[in-house]
Structures are given as structure tokens and as C-alpha cells.
């Protein structure tokens, strides 16, 4: 029986590597996807993501591939839009769309996220529902019922914690001062139409590249 393929949305935080580990130990093949913010931090971001992907691979006992893309193309539009408070929701929807594209390219069955209920603005129940509306691909959230202490404990055990808390993948400049916690799908769709989300997604997809495994040993 072929191993199930899953696309992991890998960020520079603590949660997503743990989510990848939990699904990878179920013998799923993990294909990591991470968006960098341009303006000079691409290499630092790639170094951090390759380190995390490598540690996940060691913890689950099999290879993890890594793809990266330039997500600033979308973030610039969202931040400067009519509703900057929706930036986090719009960004997560764009990330899921990229993950869905990669699922189709790699014949993967589902998307893994590091969502843990209520920890940040994009993870309220209302916002989770609005965000997942962006794609038809199933979304797996292995951390949804864990608290932060549980997640940190697992991260320490698998060796990703130190790398996750290190600098290397900044994007806080795009986080609004007052992010929406109860977004409305009608407003989100209106904003996506205004910025031309399909064209933005095509541009971001053109920046997608795979990181060679030799980088994992640097």
C-alpha cells in the first residue's frame, strides 16, 4: 500500500513542526510548504525551514521534502487593502490555496496546519470556518485540542523547539494592530475580488521552488 502524501504548512513557529511530526509518525509522507517574505530574508528563512524539515524527518524516521515561495506578493496587497484587519485571515486563505496547488502537483491527499483553537486571531472558530472555505482539499489539524504547554513539550522532545524560537523568518510587520477575530465571509470574498486574488496566486505559484536535500545538512 502506498504511503499517504500530505502537504504541511510549515511556518517558523513552534506549532507547525509538531503538527508535521504527529502526522508523519502515522507513516504519512510529509511535503512541507513555507512562504518567505522577501526584502532580503529569503536565505535566512530557507535555512530555518530546512533545519526544521530536517528535524521533523529525523523524528519520524523518513524523508521530508521542502518547497518555498514568495508570499510577500499577497501580503503587500492585503496590508494595504481596504480592510487591513483581515490581513491574517486573507493570508491564511492564500496559504491554503498554495498548499492546494502543491497537493495537486504532488498527488497529496490533504493539508496539515498547526492550528490550535483560539491561540491567535486566525484560530477562532469563526475565522477557521472562513479560512477553510478557500479550498476544497481536506485540512488536518492534529493540534486543535492541545494547549501550548503540550505543544512545547512535544517540540522539545523532537528537537524543533530551539530552532522554532530562533530568529530567521520575520513577518510581524504584516500583522495588523487589531486583527479581526470574527470575520465575515462576504467581506473576505469582497476584499479578495478587489485585490485580484487569482492573479496574485498565479504570481506566487511562479516563485515556488523545491529545496534540494543537500541543504538539509548545511
Protein backbone atom coordinates (compact mmCIF):
# COMPACT_ATOMS: atom_id res chain seq x y z
CA UNK A 1 0.00 0.00 0.00
CA UNK A 2 1.38 3.44 -0.99
CA UNK A 3 2.18 5.88 1.79
CA UNK A 4 -0.34 8.74 2.07
CA UNK A 5 1.08 12.11 0.97
CA UNK A 6 0.24 15.24 2.98
CA UNK A 7 1.26 18.87 2.46
CA UNK A 8 2.36 20.60 5.69
CA UNK A 9 2.08 24.38 6.01
CA UNK A 10 5.41 24.95 7.75
CA UNK A 11 5.99 28.28 9.49
CA UNK A 12 8.83 29.49 11.66
CA UNK A 13 6.81 28.97 14.85
CA UNK A 14 6.55 26.15 17.37
CA UNK A 15 3.26 24.60 16.27
CA UNK A 16 3.52 23.52 12.63
CA UNK A 17 6.63 21.30 13.02
CA UNK A 18 4.82 19.46 15.81
CA UNK A 19 1.77 19.03 13.58
CA UNK A 20 4.01 17.59 10.86
CA UNK A 21 5.61 15.20 13.33
CA UNK A 22 2.25 13.95 14.63
CA UNK A 23 1.03 13.13 11.12
CA UNK A 24 4.40 11.85 9.94
CA UNK A 25 4.55 9.28 12.71
CA UNK A 26 1.37 7.85 11.20
CA UNK A 27 3.58 6.89 8.24
CA UNK A 28 2.36 9.74 6.06
CA UNK A 29 4.81 11.23 3.56
CA UNK A 30 5.25 14.88 4.56
CA UNK A 31 5.75 17.55 1.90
CA UNK A 32 6.49 20.84 3.65
CA UNK A 33 5.50 24.20 2.16
CA UNK A 34 6.65 27.53 3.53
CA UNK A 35 6.21 31.11 2.34
CA UNK A 36 9.03 33.59 2.84
CA UNK A 37 8.75 37.36 2.99
CA UNK A 38 11.12 38.97 0.50
CA UNK A 39 13.22 42.10 1.15
CA UNK A 40 16.36 40.19 1.95
CA UNK A 41 15.28 37.44 4.34
CA UNK A 42 14.76 34.60 1.87
CA UNK A 43 18.04 32.83 2.66
CA UNK A 44 17.56 33.11 6.43
CA UNK A 45 14.05 31.75 6.03
CA UNK A 46 15.22 28.84 3.88
CA UNK A 47 17.96 27.97 6.41
CA UNK A 48 15.43 27.88 9.24
CA UNK A 49 12.85 25.87 7.30
CA UNK A 50 15.44 23.34 6.11
CA UNK A 51 16.58 22.90 9.69
CA UNK A 52 13.00 22.32 10.86
CA UNK A 53 12.23 19.95 7.98
CA UNK A 54 15.38 18.02 8.76
CA UNK A 55 14.47 17.68 12.43
CA UNK A 56 10.95 16.52 11.56
CA UNK A 57 12.47 13.93 9.21
CA UNK A 58 14.75 12.60 11.95
CA UNK A 59 11.87 12.42 14.44
CA UNK A 60 9.57 10.46 12.10
CA UNK A 61 12.27 8.32 10.52
CA UNK A 62 11.73 9.20 6.88
CA UNK A 63 12.42 11.99 4.41
CA UNK A 64 10.57 15.34 4.40
CA UNK A 65 10.68 17.41 1.22
CA UNK A 66 10.54 21.21 1.36
CA UNK A 67 9.07 23.76 -1.07
CA UNK A 68 9.22 27.55 -0.59
CA UNK A 69 7.57 30.52 -2.29
CA UNK A 70 7.40 34.32 -2.02
CA UNK A 71 4.28 35.18 -0.02
CA UNK A 72 5.03 38.92 0.17
CA UNK A 73 3.25 39.31 -3.18
CA UNK A 74 -0.02 38.69 -1.35
CA UNK A 75 0.88 40.25 2.00
CA UNK A 76 1.67 43.62 0.44
CA UNK A 77 -1.79 43.73 -1.15
CA UNK A 78 -3.60 42.60 1.98
CA UNK A 79 -1.79 45.03 4.29
CA UNK A 80 -2.53 47.97 2.01
CA UNK A 81 -6.14 46.91 1.33
CA UNK A 82 -9.40 48.48 2.40
CA UNK A 83 -9.69 46.09 5.37
CA UNK A 84 -6.19 45.64 6.87
CA UNK A 85 -7.77 43.97 9.93
CA UNK A 86 -8.46 40.97 7.64
CA UNK A 87 -4.78 40.51 6.73
CA UNK A 88 -4.31 37.39 8.91
CA UNK A 89 -7.43 35.69 7.55
CA UNK A 90 -6.62 36.61 3.95
CA UNK A 91 -3.04 35.40 4.39
CA UNK A 92 -4.12 32.02 5.77
CA UNK A 93 -6.59 31.58 2.89
CA UNK A 94 -3.78 32.34 0.41
CA UNK A 95 -1.50 29.84 2.17
CA UNK A 96 -4.17 27.15 1.90
CA UNK A 97 -4.61 27.91 -1.80
CA UNK A 98 -0.86 27.47 -2.33
CA UNK A 99 -0.96 24.23 -0.37
CA UNK A 100 -3.85 23.02 -2.51
CA UNK A 101 -1.84 23.78 -5.66
CA UNK A 102 1.05 21.74 -4.26
CA UNK A 103 -1.33 18.91 -3.34
CA UNK A 104 -2.40 18.71 -6.97
CA UNK A 105 1.20 18.84 -8.19
CA UNK A 106 2.34 16.07 -5.83
CA UNK A 107 -0.83 13.96 -5.74
CA UNK A 108 -1.24 14.65 -2.00
CA UNK A 109 -4.47 13.87 -0.15
CA UNK A 110 -4.76 16.64 2.44
CA UNK A 111 -3.22 19.74 4.03
CA UNK A 112 -1.75 19.79 7.56
CA UNK A 113 -1.84 23.00 9.61
CA UNK A 114 -0.58 23.86 13.09
CA UNK A 115 -3.88 25.40 14.18
CA UNK A 116 -4.62 25.18 17.90
CA UNK A 117 -8.01 26.57 18.85
CA UNK A 118 -8.03 30.20 19.94
CA UNK A 119 -4.28 30.78 20.30
CA UNK A 120 -4.17 33.61 17.74
CA UNK A 121 -6.72 35.74 15.92
CA UNK A 122 -6.91 33.49 12.86
CA UNK A 123 -7.71 30.46 15.03
CA UNK A 124 -11.10 31.44 16.44
CA UNK A 125 -13.90 29.14 15.33
CA UNK A 126 -15.42 31.85 13.13
CA UNK A 127 -12.13 32.58 11.41
CA UNK A 128 -11.22 28.91 10.99
CA UNK A 129 -14.52 28.39 9.15
CA UNK A 130 -13.91 31.41 6.91
CA UNK A 131 -10.31 30.38 6.19
CA UNK A 132 -11.03 26.77 5.26
CA UNK A 133 -13.71 27.97 2.84
CA UNK A 134 -10.86 28.92 0.47
CA UNK A 135 -10.11 25.32 -0.57
CA UNK A 136 -11.82 22.02 -1.28
CA UNK A 137 -8.88 19.88 -0.11
CA UNK A 138 -9.32 18.28 3.35
CA UNK A 139 -7.47 20.07 6.18
CA UNK A 140 -5.94 18.14 9.08
CA UNK A 141 -5.37 19.95 12.41
CA UNK A 142 -3.64 17.49 14.77
CA UNK A 143 -3.03 20.19 17.42
CA UNK A 144 -6.56 21.56 17.61
CA UNK A 145 -7.26 20.33 21.16
CA UNK A 146 -3.78 20.77 22.64
CA UNK A 147 -2.71 23.67 24.84
CA UNK A 148 0.58 25.49 24.36
CA UNK A 149 2.38 23.60 27.12
CA UNK A 150 1.55 20.27 25.42
CA UNK A 151 2.83 21.56 22.09
CA UNK A 152 6.04 22.96 23.58
CA UNK A 153 6.70 19.67 25.38
CA UNK A 154 6.43 17.72 22.11
CA UNK A 155 8.57 20.31 20.28
CA UNK A 156 11.31 19.91 22.87
CA UNK A 157 11.12 16.12 22.63
CA UNK A 158 11.52 16.08 18.84
CA UNK A 159 14.22 18.76 18.80
CA UNK A 160 12.39 21.52 16.90
CA UNK A 161 11.77 23.92 19.79
CA UNK A 162 15.17 25.65 19.77
CA UNK A 163 15.05 26.18 16.02
CA UNK A 164 11.46 27.42 16.11
CA UNK A 165 12.16 30.15 18.68
CA UNK A 166 15.30 31.32 16.88
CA UNK A 167 15.07 34.28 14.53
CA UNK A 168 15.05 33.81 10.79
CA UNK A 169 11.51 34.11 9.42
CA UNK A 170 10.08 37.52 10.36
CA UNK A 171 6.64 38.55 9.11
CA UNK A 172 5.31 40.55 12.08
CA UNK A 173 5.41 43.77 10.03
CA UNK A 174 2.31 42.49 8.23
CA UNK A 175 0.29 41.64 11.35
CA UNK A 176 -2.41 44.33 11.92
CA UNK A 177 -2.73 46.06 15.29
CA UNK A 178 -6.34 44.92 15.62
CA UNK A 179 -6.83 41.67 13.66
CA UNK A 180 -10.40 40.52 13.05
CA UNK A 181 -11.45 37.63 15.28
CA UNK A 182 -14.97 37.23 13.85
CA UNK A 183 -14.54 37.81 10.13
CA UNK A 184 -17.41 37.63 7.67
CA UNK A 185 -17.03 35.53 4.53
CA UNK A 186 -18.80 38.21 2.47
CA UNK A 187 -16.20 40.85 3.44
CA UNK A 188 -13.31 38.44 2.84
CA UNK A 189 -14.57 37.50 -0.63
CA UNK A 190 -15.14 41.17 -1.49
CA UNK A 191 -11.57 42.04 -0.47
CA UNK A 192 -10.12 39.10 -2.42
CA UNK A 193 -12.03 40.16 -5.52
CA UNK A 194 -10.82 43.75 -5.11
CA UNK A 195 -7.13 42.77 -4.95
CA UNK A 196 -7.47 40.13 -7.69
CA UNK A 197 -6.61 37.06 -5.65
CA UNK A 198 -6.43 34.66 -8.60
CA UNK A 199 -3.76 36.73 -10.32
CA UNK A 200 -1.82 37.03 -7.06
CA UNK A 201 -1.95 33.27 -6.57
CA UNK A 202 -0.60 32.70 -10.09
CA UNK A 203 2.29 35.10 -9.36
CA UNK A 204 3.10 33.37 -6.07
CA UNK A 205 2.91 29.94 -7.69
CA UNK A 206 5.53 31.08 -10.22
CA UNK A 207 8.00 31.61 -7.35
CA UNK A 208 7.53 28.08 -5.93
CA UNK A 209 10.75 26.07 -5.77
CA UNK A 210 11.94 22.88 -4.13
CA UNK A 211 14.87 22.94 -1.71
CA UNK A 212 17.48 20.29 -2.51
CA UNK A 213 18.12 17.82 0.31
CA UNK A 214 21.80 18.69 0.34
CA UNK A 215 20.80 21.93 2.07
CA UNK A 216 19.41 19.94 4.98
CA UNK A 217 22.95 19.01 6.01
CA UNK A 218 24.41 22.52 5.99
